Amino acid sequence: MQTSKSFRVDDFIAGWIAGASSVVVGHPLDTVKTRLQAGNGYKNTLHCILTIYRKETVTGFFKGMSFPLASITVYNSAVFGFFSNTQRFISNYRYGDGQHPCSMLDLTMASMLTGLMSVSLGAPVDLVKIRLQMQTQMVLAENLHLAGNMSNGTNIRLRSVSIPSQQQLYRGPIHCISSILQTEGLQGLYRGAGAMILRDVPGYTLYFIPYAIFCDLLRPDNTSSPHPCSIWLAGGLAGSISWVTATPTDVVKSRMQADAQLQRKYKGVLHCIIHSYKTEGVQVFFRGASVNAIRGFPMSSTMFLTYELSLRFFRGL
């Protein structure tokens, strides 16, 4: 597992396992969060949950999960592997020992670099996931637009147009990727990447640092490893803190990525922020904050616990 004193492969493997477990736990609430932030017609979180269940049954909460399950495992592997190895690289560079405990400044630097790196992998993954989660509403909105405005200038009454309630734009993740590449090019897969940088660079800082702080506080002494219950609690609290504080930029990112090609509303990140504020007020940037707080705890607690236990298993072999 270990290739050098400062680089370890087992961090990547443990991150892959942790990513898979977190997707299964968090995807239903992630669907609710995306619909609240980028969709229309939902009064609050409970109304969104009930609407999805009534119209799409339980399967509606798991729309688009196959792609995150396959891709977020790789993404999470890269995030945890990069973060852990970056910590060791910084310790080796500053103190001459890769195992030297990192200072708060070291952790901040490793977290910010991890957030920056994560966008290169995470932006396409998030975009495809959101397009799959939102596709029923996207098709409905585009059909309504086309129904009301024909190319010859004729206006057709909307009630005279029949729209299948479960029409879908994409057949699956591969079809979604190919459609985006054909209609928007490679840059289409990175739509919203600017907002994602604004979310993930501070977001990962407020993810890994609180986790380290809580683990230290919950550890009986500095020599022992944290108890699994402490890891679970620290990971959950860190996840909730990170996701709640990242909600404003997450709203902008979700709207940019859900923005359909045929009915594009936003010219860029700044235009999305200004347009959202003018039309819906400042409260729009906190839409889905409660879902993020609730979803962040089980996802992150599961992720950190699985990651740490996997590492202990691999390093005990």
C-alpha atoms as a PDB file:
ATOM      1  CA  MET A   1       0.000   0.000   0.000  1.00  0.00           C
ATOM      2  CA  GLN A   2       2.852   2.382   0.797  1.00  0.00           C
ATOM      3  CA  THR A   3       5.053   3.528  -2.091  1.00  0.00           C
ATOM      4  CA  SER A   4       7.134   6.136  -0.248  1.00  0.00           C
ATOM      5  CA  LYS A   5       7.337   7.875   3.093  1.00  0.00           C
ATOM      6  CA  SER A   6       5.267  10.837   1.877  1.00  0.00           C
ATOM      7  CA  PHE A   7       2.919   9.168  -0.628  1.00  0.00           C
ATOM      8  CA  ARG A   8       0.413   6.445   0.221  1.00  0.00           C
ATOM      9  CA  VAL A   9      -2.038   4.659  -2.072  1.00  0.00           C
ATOM     10  CA  ASP A  10      -4.281   3.369   0.713  1.00  0.00           C
ATOM     11  CA  ASP A  11      -5.691   6.889   1.257  1.00  0.00           C
ATOM     12  CA  PHE A  12      -7.122   6.754  -2.263  1.00  0.00           C
ATOM     13  CA  ILE A  13      -8.613   3.267  -1.762  1.00  0.00           C
ATOM     14  CA  ALA A  14     -10.169   4.218   1.581  1.00  0.00           C
ATOM     15  CA  GLY A  15     -11.571   7.390  -0.010  1.00  0.00           C
ATOM     16  CA  TRP A  16     -13.156   5.323  -2.789  1.00  0.00           C
ATOM     17  CA  ILE A  17     -14.922   3.067  -0.267  1.00  0.00           C
ATOM     18  CA  ALA A  18     -16.043   6.084   1.805  1.00  0.00           C
ATOM     19  CA  GLY A  19     -17.434   7.786  -1.303  1.00  0.00           C
ATOM     20  CA  ALA A  20     -19.622   4.812  -2.204  1.00  0.00           C
ATOM     21  CA  SER A  21     -21.119   4.615   1.284  1.00  0.00           C
ATOM     22  CA  SER A  22     -21.856   8.348   1.426  1.00  0.00           C
ATOM     23  CA  VAL A  23     -23.652   8.405  -1.942  1.00  0.00           C
ATOM     24  CA  VAL A  24     -26.135   5.726  -0.883  1.00  0.00           C
ATOM     25  CA  VAL A  25     -26.830   7.553   2.396  1.00  0.00           C
ATOM     26  CA  GLY A  26     -27.038  11.093   1.012  1.00  0.00           C
ATOM     27  CA  HIS A  27     -28.504  10.930  -2.503  1.00  0.00           C
ATOM     28  CA  PRO A  28     -32.235  11.121  -1.602  1.00  0.00           C
ATOM     29  CA  LEU A  29     -31.733  14.387   0.303  1.00  0.00           C
ATOM     30  CA  ASP A  30     -29.359  15.609  -2.406  1.00  0.00           C
ATOM     31  CA  THR A  31     -32.233  15.270  -4.895  1.00  0.00           C
ATOM     32  CA  VAL A  32     -34.486  17.289  -2.578  1.00  0.00           C
ATOM     33  CA  LYS A  33     -31.775  19.954  -2.188  1.00  0.00           C
ATOM     34  CA  THR A  34     -31.287  20.263  -5.953  1.00  0.00           C
ATOM     35  CA  ARG A  35     -35.030  20.545  -6.632  1.00  0.00           C
ATOM     36  CA  LEU A  36     -35.372  23.256  -3.957  1.00  0.00           C
ATOM     37  CA  GLN A  37     -32.438  25.273  -5.271  1.00  0.00           C
ATOM     38  CA  ALA A  38     -32.920  24.972  -9.030  1.00  0.00           C
ATOM     39  CA  GLY A  39     -36.551  23.883  -9.409  1.00  0.00           C
ATOM     40  CA  ASN A  40     -39.889  25.668  -9.201  1.00  0.00           C
ATOM     41  CA  GLY A  41     -43.166  25.160  -7.365  1.00  0.00           C
ATOM     42  CA  TYR A  42     -41.880  23.971  -3.995  1.00  0.00           C
ATOM     43  CA  LYS A  43     -43.012  25.867  -0.870  1.00  0.00           C
ATOM     44  CA  ASN A  44     -40.541  24.294   1.538  1.00  0.00           C
ATOM     45  CA  THR A  45     -38.503  21.143   2.206  1.00  0.00           C
ATOM     46  CA  LEU A  46     -41.451  19.021   3.354  1.00  0.00           C
ATOM     47  CA  HIS A  47     -43.581  20.110   0.392  1.00  0.00           C
ATOM     48  CA  CYS A  48     -40.720  19.202  -1.965  1.00  0.00           C
ATOM     49  CA  ILE A  49     -40.347  15.729  -0.410  1.00  0.00           C
ATOM     50  CA  LEU A  50     -44.103  15.040  -0.589  1.00  0.00           C
ATOM     51  CA  THR A  51     -44.332  16.331  -4.173  1.00  0.00           C
ATOM     52  CA  ILE A  52     -41.486  14.104  -5.369  1.00  0.00           C
ATOM     53  CA  TYR A  53     -43.006  11.094  -3.603  1.00  0.00           C
ATOM     54  CA  ARG A  54     -46.517  11.680  -4.967  1.00  0.00           C
ATOM     55  CA  LYS A  55     -45.445  12.319  -8.557  1.00  0.00           C
ATOM     56  CA  GLU A  56     -42.434  10.007  -8.877  1.00  0.00           C
ATOM     57  CA  THR A  57     -42.715   7.574  -5.922  1.00  0.00           C
ATOM     58  CA  VAL A  58     -39.623   6.537  -3.929  1.00  0.00           C
ATOM     59  CA  THR A  59     -37.583   6.069  -7.108  1.00  0.00           C
ATOM     60  CA  GLY A  60     -37.751   9.837  -7.678  1.00  0.00           C
ATOM     61  CA  PHE A  61     -35.385  10.394  -4.750  1.00  0.00           C
ATOM     62  CA  PHE A  62     -32.779   8.139  -6.377  1.00  0.00           C
ATOM     63  CA  LYS A  63     -32.871   9.726  -9.835  1.00  0.00           C
ATOM     64  CA  GLY A  64     -29.396  10.052 -11.254  1.00  0.00           C
ATOM     65  CA  MET A  65     -27.748   7.980  -8.500  1.00  0.00           C
ATOM     66  CA  SER A  66     -26.028   5.479 -10.784  1.00  0.00           C
ATOM     67  CA  PHE A  67     -23.680   8.118 -12.174  1.00  0.00           C
ATOM     68  CA  PRO A  68     -22.666   9.579  -8.769  1.00  0.00           C
ATOM     69  CA  LEU A  69     -22.209   6.061  -7.405  1.00  0.00           C
ATOM     70  CA  ALA A  70     -19.762   5.305 -10.214  1.00  0.00           C
ATOM     71  CA  SER A  71     -18.111   8.729 -10.361  1.00  0.00           C
ATOM     72  CA  ILE A  72     -18.206  10.163  -6.831  1.00  0.00           C
ATOM     73  CA  THR A  73     -16.338   7.116  -5.586  1.00  0.00           C
ATOM     74  CA  VAL A  74     -13.481   8.139  -7.905  1.00  0.00           C
ATOM     75  CA  TYR A  75     -13.944  11.806  -6.969  1.00  0.00           C
ATOM     76  CA  ASN A  76     -13.907  11.041  -3.249  1.00  0.00           C
ATOM     77  CA  SER A  77     -10.879   8.814  -3.695  1.00  0.00           C
ATOM     78  CA  ALA A  78      -9.046  11.728  -5.322  1.00  0.00           C
ATOM     79  CA  VAL A  79     -10.165  14.213  -2.627  1.00  0.00           C
ATOM     80  CA  PHE A  80      -9.129  12.129   0.401  1.00  0.00           C
ATOM     81  CA  GLY A  81      -6.001  10.782  -1.279  1.00  0.00           C
ATOM     82  CA  PHE A  82      -4.909  14.242  -2.407  1.00  0.00           C
ATOM     83  CA  PHE A  83      -5.651  15.864   0.979  1.00  0.00           C
ATOM     84  CA  SER A  84      -3.830  13.246   3.043  1.00  0.00           C
ATOM     85  CA  ASN A  85      -0.808  13.106   0.763  1.00  0.00           C
ATOM     86  CA  THR A  86      -0.671  16.912   0.546  1.00  0.00           C
ATOM     87  CA  GLN A  87      -0.562  17.052   4.368  1.00  0.00           C
ATOM     88  CA  ARG A  88       2.387  14.656   4.383  1.00  0.00           C
ATOM     89  CA  PHE A  89       4.129  16.595   1.598  1.00  0.00           C
ATOM     90  CA  ILE A  90       3.755  19.878   3.516  1.00  0.00           C
ATOM     91  CA  SER A  91       4.989  18.262   6.752  1.00  0.00           C
ATOM     92  CA  ASN A  92       7.936  16.734   4.924  1.00  0.00           C
ATOM     93  CA  TYR A  93       8.776  20.071   3.279  1.00  0.00           C
ATOM     94  CA  ARG A  94       8.415  22.212   6.426  1.00  0.00           C
ATOM     95  CA  TYR A  95       9.582  19.852   9.169  1.00  0.00           C
ATOM     96  CA  GLY A  96      11.581  17.206   7.314  1.00  0.00           C
ATOM     97  CA  ASP A  97       9.161  14.494   8.515  1.00  0.00           C
ATOM     98  CA  GLY A  98       5.995  13.447   6.673  1.00  0.00           C
ATOM     99  CA  GLN A  99       4.483  12.140   9.907  1.00  0.00           C
ATOM    100  CA  HIS A 100       4.916  15.444  11.775  1.00  0.00           C
ATOM    101  CA  PRO A 101       1.540  16.820  12.964  1.00  0.00           C
ATOM    102  CA  CYS A 102       0.233  19.588  10.718  1.00  0.00           C
ATOM    103  CA  SER A 103      -0.344  23.070  12.098  1.00  0.00           C
ATOM    104  CA  MET A 104      -3.647  24.886  11.459  1.00  0.00           C
ATOM    105  CA  LEU A 105      -1.960  26.813   8.637  1.00  0.00           C
ATOM    106  CA  ASP A 106      -0.787  23.537   7.064  1.00  0.00           C
ATOM    107  CA  LEU A 107      -4.296  22.073   7.269  1.00  0.00           C
ATOM    108  CA  THR A 108      -5.774  25.238   5.744  1.00  0.00           C
ATOM    109  CA  MET A 109      -3.356  25.125   2.819  1.00  0.00           C
ATOM    110  CA  ALA A 110      -3.954  21.401   2.203  1.00  0.00           C
ATOM    111  CA  SER A 111      -7.747  21.933   2.393  1.00  0.00           C
ATOM    112  CA  MET A 112      -7.753  24.868  -0.052  1.00  0.00           C
ATOM    113  CA  LEU A 113      -5.568  23.022  -2.550  1.00  0.00           C
ATOM    114  CA  THR A 114      -7.885  20.009  -2.264  1.00  0.00           C
ATOM    115  CA  GLY A 115     -10.918  22.215  -2.949  1.00  0.00           C
ATOM    116  CA  LEU A 116      -9.238  23.679  -6.030  1.00  0.00           C
ATOM    117  CA  MET A 117      -8.232  20.242  -7.325  1.00  0.00           C
ATOM    118  CA  SER A 118     -11.700  18.805  -6.705  1.00  0.00           C
ATOM    119  CA  VAL A 119     -13.379  21.124  -9.221  1.00  0.00           C
ATOM    120  CA  SER A 120     -11.571  19.531 -12.177  1.00  0.00           C
ATOM    121  CA  LEU A 121     -13.244  16.201 -11.370  1.00  0.00           C
ATOM    122  CA  GLY A 122     -16.336  17.358  -9.513  1.00  0.00           C
ATOM    123  CA  ALA A 123     -17.756  19.937 -11.938  1.00  0.00           C
ATOM    124  CA  PRO A 124     -18.720  17.444 -14.701  1.00  0.00           C
ATOM    125  CA  VAL A 125     -19.974  14.927 -12.119  1.00  0.00           C
ATOM    126  CA  ASP A 126     -22.177  17.516 -10.413  1.00  0.00           C
ATOM    127  CA  LEU A 127     -23.485  18.890 -13.703  1.00  0.00           C
ATOM    128  CA  VAL A 128     -24.577  15.479 -15.017  1.00  0.00           C
ATOM    129  CA  LYS A 129     -26.113  14.563 -11.654  1.00  0.00           C
ATOM    130  CA  ILE A 130     -28.100  17.811 -11.513  1.00  0.00           C
ATOM    131  CA  ARG A 131     -29.251  17.580 -15.137  1.00  0.00           C
ATOM    132  CA  LEU A 132     -30.534  14.037 -14.457  1.00  0.00           C
ATOM    133  CA  GLN A 133     -32.219  15.115 -11.217  1.00  0.00           C
ATOM    134  CA  MET A 134     -33.859  18.137 -12.867  1.00  0.00           C
ATOM    135  CA  GLN A 135     -34.641  16.776 -16.327  1.00  0.00           C
ATOM    136  CA  THR A 136     -38.421  16.375 -15.897  1.00  0.00           C
ATOM    137  CA  GLN A 137     -38.777  20.027 -14.893  1.00  0.00           C
ATOM    138  CA  MET A 138     -36.298  21.144 -17.571  1.00  0.00           C
ATOM    139  CA  VAL A 139     -38.261  19.457 -20.344  1.00  0.00           C
ATOM    140  CA  LEU A 140     -41.518  20.856 -19.016  1.00  0.00           C
ATOM    141  CA  ALA A 141     -40.127  24.396 -18.930  1.00  0.00           C
ATOM    142  CA  GLU A 142     -38.682  24.156 -22.437  1.00  0.00           C
ATOM    143  CA  ASN A 143     -41.855  22.660 -23.907  1.00  0.00           C
ATOM    144  CA  LEU A 144     -43.916  25.440 -22.311  1.00  0.00           C
ATOM    145  CA  HIS A 145     -41.577  28.012 -23.843  1.00  0.00           C
ATOM    146  CA  LEU A 146     -41.801  26.409 -27.285  1.00  0.00           C
ATOM    147  CA  ALA A 147     -45.556  25.993 -26.967  1.00  0.00           C
ATOM    148  CA  GLY A 148     -46.103  29.658 -26.239  1.00  0.00           C
ATOM    149  CA  ASN A 149     -43.708  30.961 -28.908  1.00  0.00           C
ATOM    150  CA  MET A 150     -43.623  29.311 -32.324  1.00  0.00           C
ATOM    151  CA  SER A 151     -40.937  30.160 -34.873  1.00  0.00           C
ATOM    152  CA  ASN A 152     -43.500  31.780 -37.223  1.00  0.00           C
ATOM    153  CA  GLY A 153     -44.541  34.200 -34.480  1.00  0.00           C
ATOM    154  CA  THR A 154     -47.822  32.435 -33.707  1.00  0.00           C
ATOM    155  CA  ASN A 155     -48.790  32.141 -30.065  1.00  0.00           C
ATOM    156  CA  ILE A 156     -50.386  28.824 -29.086  1.00  0.00           C
ATOM    157  CA  ARG A 157     -52.497  28.581 -25.969  1.00  0.00           C
ATOM    158  CA  LEU A 158     -50.657  26.433 -23.438  1.00  0.00           C
ATOM    159  CA  ARG A 159     -53.695  24.383 -22.519  1.00  0.00           C
ATOM    160  CA  SER A 160     -53.914  23.142 -26.129  1.00  0.00           C
ATOM    161  CA  VAL A 161     -50.471  21.545 -25.922  1.00  0.00           C
ATOM    162  CA  SER A 162     -50.176  18.015 -24.558  1.00  0.00           C
ATOM    163  CA  ILE A 163     -47.017  17.488 -22.485  1.00  0.00           C
ATOM    164  CA  PRO A 164     -46.197  14.019 -21.133  1.00  0.00           C
ATOM    165  CA  SER A 165     -45.824  14.378 -17.363  1.00  0.00           C
ATOM    166  CA  GLN A 166     -42.782  12.096 -17.188  1.00  0.00           C
ATOM    167  CA  GLN A 167     -41.047  13.080 -20.467  1.00  0.00           C
ATOM    168  CA  GLN A 168     -37.281  12.883 -20.068  1.00  0.00           C
ATOM    169  CA  LEU A 169     -34.524  14.718 -21.836  1.00  0.00           C
ATOM    170  CA  TYR A 170     -31.793  12.167 -21.105  1.00  0.00           C
ATOM    171  CA  ARG A 171     -31.937   8.376 -21.153  1.00  0.00           C
ATOM    172  CA  GLY A 172     -29.094   8.069 -18.652  1.00  0.00           C
ATOM    173  CA  PRO A 173     -25.697   9.505 -17.633  1.00  0.00           C
ATOM    174  CA  ILE A 174     -23.839   8.456 -20.800  1.00  0.00           C
ATOM    175  CA  HIS A 175     -26.572   9.916 -23.015  1.00  0.00           C
ATOM    176  CA  CYS A 176     -26.541  13.074 -20.869  1.00  0.00           C
ATOM    177  CA  ILE A 177     -22.764  13.501 -21.299  1.00  0.00           C
ATOM    178  CA  SER A 178     -22.903  12.915 -25.062  1.00  0.00           C
ATOM    179  CA  SER A 179     -25.847  15.335 -25.430  1.00  0.00           C
ATOM    180  CA  ILE A 180     -24.017  18.062 -23.510  1.00  0.00           C
ATOM    181  CA  LEU A 181     -20.840  17.537 -25.567  1.00  0.00           C
ATOM    182  CA  GLN A 182     -22.834  17.713 -28.829  1.00  0.00           C
ATOM    183  CA  THR A 183     -24.849  20.813 -27.913  1.00  0.00           C
ATOM    184  CA  GLU A 184     -22.481  22.746 -25.658  1.00  0.00           C
ATOM    185  CA  GLY A 185     -19.021  21.304 -26.279  1.00  0.00           C
ATOM    186  CA  LEU A 186     -16.447  20.311 -23.650  1.00  0.00           C
ATOM    187  CA  GLN A 187     -16.909  23.631 -21.841  1.00  0.00           C
ATOM    188  CA  GLY A 188     -20.546  22.664 -21.292  1.00  0.00           C
ATOM    189  CA  LEU A 189     -19.446  19.979 -18.822  1.00  0.00           C
ATOM    190  CA  TYR A 190     -17.723  22.685 -16.779  1.00  0.00           C
ATOM    191  CA  ARG A 191     -20.654  25.087 -16.656  1.00  0.00           C
ATOM    192  CA  GLY A 192     -20.830  26.418 -13.109  1.00  0.00           C
ATOM    193  CA  ALA A 193     -17.175  25.561 -12.384  1.00  0.00           C
ATOM    194  CA  GLY A 194     -16.497  29.148 -11.291  1.00  0.00           C
ATOM    195  CA  ALA A 195     -19.250  28.941  -8.687  1.00  0.00           C
ATOM    196  CA  MET A 196     -17.953  25.531  -7.665  1.00  0.00           C
ATOM    197  CA  ILE A 197     -14.488  27.011  -6.956  1.00  0.00           C
ATOM    198  CA  LEU A 198     -16.159  29.668  -4.784  1.00  0.00           C
ATOM    199  CA  ARG A 199     -17.972  26.856  -2.967  1.00  0.00           C
ATOM    200  CA  ASP A 200     -15.287  24.189  -2.629  1.00  0.00           C
ATOM    201  CA  VAL A 201     -12.118  26.122  -1.748  1.00  0.00           C
ATOM    202  CA  PRO A 202     -13.595  27.576   1.471  1.00  0.00           C
ATOM    203  CA  GLY A 203     -15.976  24.607   1.738  1.00  0.00           C
ATOM    204  CA  TYR A 204     -13.243  22.000   2.110  1.00  0.00           C
ATOM    205  CA  THR A 205     -11.408  24.284   4.527  1.00  0.00           C
ATOM    206  CA  LEU A 206     -14.544  24.299   6.699  1.00  0.00           C
ATOM    207  CA  TYR A 207     -14.776  20.538   6.231  1.00  0.00           C
ATOM    208  CA  PHE A 208     -11.393  19.146   7.150  1.00  0.00           C
ATOM    209  CA  ILE A 209     -10.419  21.702   9.821  1.00  0.00           C
ATOM    210  CA  PRO A 210     -13.564  21.308  11.992  1.00  0.00           C
ATOM    211  CA  TYR A 211     -13.196  17.544  11.635  1.00  0.00           C
ATOM    212  CA  ALA A 212      -9.621  17.691  12.946  1.00  0.00           C
ATOM    213  CA  ILE A 213     -10.644  20.049  15.779  1.00  0.00           C
ATOM    214  CA  PHE A 214     -13.607  17.911  16.869  1.00  0.00           C
ATOM    215  CA  CYS A 215     -11.527  14.721  16.741  1.00  0.00           C
ATOM    216  CA  ASP A 216      -8.933  16.327  19.017  1.00  0.00           C
ATOM    217  CA  LEU A 217     -11.610  17.556  21.423  1.00  0.00           C
ATOM    218  CA  LEU A 218     -13.300  14.148  21.579  1.00  0.00           C
ATOM    219  CA  ARG A 219     -10.052  12.198  21.957  1.00  0.00           C
ATOM    220  CA  PRO A 220      -9.256  11.262  25.583  1.00  0.00           C
ATOM    221  CA  ASP A 221      -5.518  11.882  25.097  1.00  0.00           C
ATOM    222  CA  ASN A 222      -3.178  12.919  22.307  1.00  0.00           C
ATOM    223  CA  THR A 223      -1.536   9.508  21.977  1.00  0.00           C
ATOM    224  CA  SER A 224      -4.629   7.384  21.263  1.00  0.00           C
ATOM    225  CA  SER A 225      -6.613   7.123  18.037  1.00  0.00           C
ATOM    226  CA  PRO A 226     -10.131   8.611  18.038  1.00  0.00           C
ATOM    227  CA  HIS A 227     -12.924   6.212  18.958  1.00  0.00           C
ATOM    228  CA  PRO A 228     -15.262   5.286  16.027  1.00  0.00           C
ATOM    229  CA  CYS A 229     -18.115   7.124  17.784  1.00  0.00           C
ATOM    230  CA  SER A 230     -15.935  10.247  17.993  1.00  0.00           C
ATOM    231  CA  ILE A 231     -15.050   9.950  14.301  1.00  0.00           C
ATOM    232  CA  TRP A 232     -18.736   9.556  13.425  1.00  0.00           C
ATOM    233  CA  LEU A 233     -19.755  12.623  15.467  1.00  0.00           C
ATOM    234  CA  ALA A 234     -16.827  14.785  14.330  1.00  0.00           C
ATOM    235  CA  GLY A 235     -17.433  13.896  10.675  1.00  0.00           C
ATOM    236  CA  GLY A 236     -21.140  14.636  10.908  1.00  0.00           C
ATOM    237  CA  LEU A 237     -20.650  18.007  12.610  1.00  0.00           C
ATOM    238  CA  ALA A 238     -17.936  18.990  10.116  1.00  0.00           C
ATOM    239  CA  GLY A 239     -20.212  18.045   7.213  1.00  0.00           C
ATOM    240  CA  SER A 240     -23.129  20.096   8.533  1.00  0.00           C
ATOM    241  CA  ILE A 241     -20.911  23.142   9.132  1.00  0.00           C
ATOM    242  CA  SER A 242     -19.321  22.904   5.690  1.00  0.00           C
ATOM    243  CA  TRP A 243     -22.578  22.417   3.789  1.00  0.00           C
ATOM    244  CA  VAL A 244     -24.560  25.117   5.604  1.00  0.00           C
ATOM    245  CA  THR A 245     -21.843  27.753   5.083  1.00  0.00           C
ATOM    246  CA  ALA A 246     -21.488  26.699   1.426  1.00  0.00           C
ATOM    247  CA  THR A 247     -25.235  26.966   0.686  1.00  0.00           C
ATOM    248  CA  PRO A 248     -25.187  30.433  -1.009  1.00  0.00           C
ATOM    249  CA  THR A 249     -22.508  29.426  -3.530  1.00  0.00           C
ATOM    250  CA  ASP A 250     -24.103  25.983  -3.847  1.00  0.00           C
ATOM    251  CA  VAL A 251     -27.377  27.645  -4.913  1.00  0.00           C
ATOM    252  CA  VAL A 252     -25.545  29.602  -7.621  1.00  0.00           C
ATOM    253  CA  LYS A 253     -23.685  26.488  -8.787  1.00  0.00           C
ATOM    254  CA  SER A 254     -26.868  24.401  -8.951  1.00  0.00           C
ATOM    255  CA  ARG A 255     -28.697  27.082 -10.946  1.00  0.00           C
ATOM    256  CA  MET A 256     -25.829  27.480 -13.380  1.00  0.00           C
ATOM    257  CA  GLN A 257     -25.588  23.731 -13.934  1.00  0.00           C
ATOM    258  CA  ALA A 258     -29.351  23.168 -14.218  1.00  0.00           C
ATOM    259  CA  ASP A 259     -29.640  26.008 -16.736  1.00  0.00           C
ATOM    260  CA  ALA A 260     -30.980  24.332 -19.879  1.00  0.00           C
ATOM    261  CA  GLN A 261     -29.335  24.969 -23.248  1.00  0.00           C
ATOM    262  CA  LEU A 262     -32.599  25.729 -25.113  1.00  0.00           C
ATOM    263  CA  GLN A 263     -33.783  28.242 -22.500  1.00  0.00           C
ATOM    264  CA  ARG A 264     -30.588  29.649 -21.015  1.00  0.00           C
ATOM    265  CA  LYS A 265     -31.201  32.224 -18.274  1.00  0.00           C
ATOM    266  CA  TYR A 266     -27.742  33.012 -16.913  1.00  0.00           C
ATOM    267  CA  LYS A 267     -24.776  34.507 -18.768  1.00  0.00           C
ATOM    268  CA  GLY A 268     -22.328  33.746 -15.979  1.00  0.00           C
ATOM    269  CA  VAL A 269     -21.819  33.458 -12.222  1.00  0.00           C
ATOM    270  CA  LEU A 270     -22.210  37.198 -11.508  1.00  0.00           C
ATOM    271  CA  HIS A 271     -25.313  37.447 -13.700  1.00  0.00           C
ATOM    272  CA  CYS A 272     -26.807  34.429 -11.908  1.00  0.00           C
ATOM    273  CA  ILE A 273     -26.198  36.051  -8.499  1.00  0.00           C
ATOM    274  CA  ILE A 274     -27.677  39.423  -9.553  1.00  0.00           C
ATOM    275  CA  HIS A 275     -30.663  37.886 -11.374  1.00  0.00           C
ATOM    276  CA  SER A 276     -31.472  35.544  -8.482  1.00  0.00           C
ATOM    277  CA  TYR A 277     -31.249  38.401  -5.971  1.00  0.00           C
ATOM    278  CA  LYS A 278     -33.417  40.777  -8.019  1.00  0.00           C
ATOM    279  CA  THR A 279     -36.137  38.228  -8.740  1.00  0.00           C
ATOM    280  CA  GLU A 280     -36.246  36.277  -5.465  1.00  0.00           C
ATOM    281  CA  GLY A 281     -34.437  38.314  -2.825  1.00  0.00           C
ATOM    282  CA  VAL A 282     -31.518  37.452  -0.552  1.00  0.00           C
ATOM    283  CA  GLN A 283     -33.375  34.488   0.980  1.00  0.00           C
ATOM    284  CA  VAL A 284     -32.935  32.547  -2.274  1.00  0.00           C
ATOM    285  CA  PHE A 285     -29.246  32.028  -1.452  1.00  0.00           C
ATOM    286  CA  PHE A 286     -30.198  30.092   1.671  1.00  0.00           C
ATOM    287  CA  ARG A 287     -32.700  27.845  -0.070  1.00  0.00           C
ATOM    288  CA  GLY A 288     -31.928  24.263   0.844  1.00  0.00           C
ATOM    289  CA  ALA A 289     -29.802  25.231   3.877  1.00  0.00           C
ATOM    290  CA  SER A 290     -31.880  23.062   6.204  1.00  0.00           C
ATOM    291  CA  VAL A 291     -31.591  20.117   3.811  1.00  0.00           C
ATOM    292  CA  ASN A 292     -27.839  20.694   3.566  1.00  0.00           C
ATOM    293  CA  ALA A 293     -27.525  20.672   7.361  1.00  0.00           C
ATOM    294  CA  ILE A 294     -29.584  17.482   7.721  1.00  0.00           C
ATOM    295  CA  ARG A 295     -28.023  15.750   4.713  1.00  0.00           C
ATOM    296  CA  GLY A 296     -24.491  16.850   5.581  1.00  0.00           C
ATOM    297  CA  PHE A 297     -24.442  15.027   8.907  1.00  0.00           C
ATOM    298  CA  PRO A 298     -25.211  11.419   7.865  1.00  0.00           C
ATOM    299  CA  MET A 299     -23.251  11.736   4.608  1.00  0.00           C
ATOM    300  CA  SER A 300     -20.106  13.082   6.234  1.00  0.00           C
ATOM    301  CA  SER A 301     -20.294  10.938   9.361  1.00  0.00           C
ATOM    302  CA  THR A 302     -20.610   7.849   7.156  1.00  0.00           C
ATOM    303  CA  MET A 303     -17.816   9.057   4.892  1.00  0.00           C
ATOM    304  CA  PHE A 304     -15.259   9.840   7.596  1.00  0.00           C
ATOM    305  CA  LEU A 305     -16.066   6.739   9.636  1.00  0.00           C
ATOM    306  CA  THR A 306     -15.766   4.452   6.588  1.00  0.00           C
ATOM    307  CA  TYR A 307     -12.564   6.209   5.526  1.00  0.00           C
ATOM    308  CA  GLU A 308     -10.864   5.963   8.917  1.00  0.00           C
ATOM    309  CA  LEU A 309     -11.913   2.348   9.538  1.00  0.00           C
ATOM    310  CA  SER A 310     -10.780   1.371   6.018  1.00  0.00           C
ATOM    311  CA  LEU A 311      -7.388   2.962   6.667  1.00  0.00           C
ATOM    312  CA  ARG A 312      -7.030   1.107   9.960  1.00  0.00           C
ATOM    313  CA  PHE A 313      -7.870  -2.141   8.179  1.00  0.00           C
ATOM    314  CA  PHE A 314      -5.364  -1.574   5.354  1.00  0.00           C
ATOM    315  CA  ARG A 315      -2.577  -0.440   7.677  1.00  0.00           C
ATOM    316  CA  GLY A 316      -3.201  -3.359   9.972  1.00  0.00           C
ATOM    317  CA  LEU A 317      -2.592  -5.890   7.174  1.00  0.00           C
END
